[in-house]
C-alpha atoms as a PDB file:
ATOM      1  CA  MET A   1     107.207 -82.556-116.583  1.00  0.00           C
ATOM      2  CA  ALA A   2     105.440 -80.008-114.406  1.00  0.00           C
ATOM      3  CA  ALA A   3     105.206 -82.592-111.606  1.00  0.00           C
ATOM      4  CA  LEU A   4     108.991 -82.930-111.608  1.00  0.00           C
ATOM      5  CA  VAL A   5     109.365 -79.192-111.205  1.00  0.00           C
ATOM      6  CA  TRP A   6     107.060 -79.276-108.186  1.00  0.00           C
ATOM      7  CA  LEU A   7     109.139 -82.084-106.695  1.00  0.00           C
ATOM      8  CA  LEU A   8     112.352 -80.136-107.229  1.00  0.00           C
ATOM      9  CA  ILE A   9     111.138 -77.149-105.195  1.00  0.00           C
ATOM     10  CA  PRO A  10     111.408 -78.901-101.784  1.00  0.00           C
ATOM     11  CA  LEU A  11     114.725 -80.438-102.800  1.00  0.00           C
ATOM     12  CA  VAL A  12     116.200 -77.073-103.711  1.00  0.00           C
ATOM     13  CA  ALA A  13     114.770 -75.548-100.522  1.00  0.00           C
ATOM     14  CA  ALA A  14     116.360 -78.293 -98.395  1.00  0.00           C
ATOM     15  CA  ILE A  15     119.735 -77.815-100.058  1.00  0.00           C
ATOM     16  CA  ALA A  16     119.507 -74.050 -99.609  1.00  0.00           C
ATOM     17  CA  ALA A  17     118.596 -74.497 -95.929  1.00  0.00           C
ATOM     18  CA  GLY A  18     121.592 -76.780 -95.429  1.00  0.00           C
ATOM     19  CA  VAL A  19     123.954 -74.324 -97.072  1.00  0.00           C
ATOM     20  CA  TRP A  20     122.524 -71.428 -95.064  1.00  0.00           C
ATOM     21  CA  GLY A  21     122.785 -73.406 -91.823  1.00  0.00           C
ATOM     22  CA  GLY A  22     126.410 -74.247 -92.489  1.00  0.00           C
ATOM     23  CA  TRP A  23     127.208 -70.654 -93.350  1.00  0.00           C
ATOM     24  CA  ALA A  24     125.398 -69.262 -90.309  1.00  0.00           C
ATOM     25  CA  ASN A  25     127.206 -71.639 -87.976  1.00  0.00           C
ATOM     26  CA  ARG A  26     130.695 -71.101 -89.405  1.00  0.00           C
ATOM     27  CA  THR A  27     131.617 -68.150 -87.200  1.00  0.00           C
ATOM     28  CA  ARG A  28     130.363 -69.476 -83.895  1.00  0.00           C
ATOM     29  CA  ARG A  29     132.997 -69.443 -81.227  1.00  0.00           C
ATOM     30  CA  VAL A  30     132.947 -71.729 -78.272  1.00  0.00           C
ATOM     31  CA  ARG A  31     132.271 -69.636 -75.237  1.00  0.00           C
ATOM     32  CA  GLY A  32     132.802 -70.853 -71.730  1.00  0.00           C
ATOM     33  CA  ASP A  33     130.288 -70.691 -68.939  1.00  0.00           C
ATOM     34  CA  GLY A  34     132.187 -67.931 -67.140  1.00  0.00           C
ATOM     35  CA  PRO A  35     129.841 -64.972 -67.718  1.00  0.00           C
ATOM     36  CA  GLU A  36     126.727 -67.006 -66.970  1.00  0.00           C
ATOM     37  CA  LEU A  37     128.190 -68.446 -63.779  1.00  0.00           C
ATOM     38  CA  ASP A  38     129.351 -65.005 -62.632  1.00  0.00           C
ATOM     39  CA  GLY A  39     125.867 -63.609 -63.141  1.00  0.00           C
ATOM     40  CA  TYR A  40     124.348 -66.528 -61.249  1.00  0.00           C
ATOM     41  CA  ALA A  41     126.779 -66.003 -58.364  1.00  0.00           C
ATOM     42  CA  ARG A  42     125.763 -62.318 -58.169  1.00  0.00           C
ATOM     43  CA  PHE A  43     122.099 -63.328 -58.226  1.00  0.00           C
ATOM     44  CA  ARG A  44     122.582 -65.822 -55.399  1.00  0.00           C
ATOM     45  CA  ALA A  45     124.515 -63.282 -53.330  1.00  0.00           C
ATOM     46  CA  ALA A  46     121.699 -60.758 -53.775  1.00  0.00           C
ATOM     47  CA  MET A  47     119.053 -63.314 -52.796  1.00  0.00           C
ATOM     48  CA  GLU A  48     120.976 -64.415 -49.713  1.00  0.00           C
ATOM     49  CA  LYS A  49     120.980 -60.958 -48.157  1.00  0.00           C
ATOM     50  CA  THR A  50     118.987 -61.135 -44.930  1.00  0.00           C
ATOM     51  CA  ASP A  51     117.596 -57.592 -44.772  1.00  0.00           C
ATOM     52  CA  SER A  52     116.572 -55.617 -47.805  1.00  0.00           C
ATOM     53  CA  GLY A  53     115.043 -52.700 -45.911  1.00  0.00           C
ATOM     54  CA  ALA A  54     111.490 -53.282 -47.123  1.00  0.00           C
ATOM     55  CA  ARG A  55     109.314 -54.945 -44.509  1.00  0.00           C
ATOM     56  CA  GLY A  56     105.701 -55.871 -45.010  1.00  0.00           C
ATOM     57  CA  ALA A  57     103.509 -54.664 -47.741  1.00  0.00           C
END
């Protein structure tokens, strides 16, 4: 009987993980790539500047 209890522990843990995963993912909203692409465009614009004022080190 004690062996069955030990076998139930992983089963209960797997069920609990599945329930928690479903609950944690329930409020996710689909977000577009807008903010990331805007930040990348600003990064590229900053890197494309020809003169930063600091010459030689």
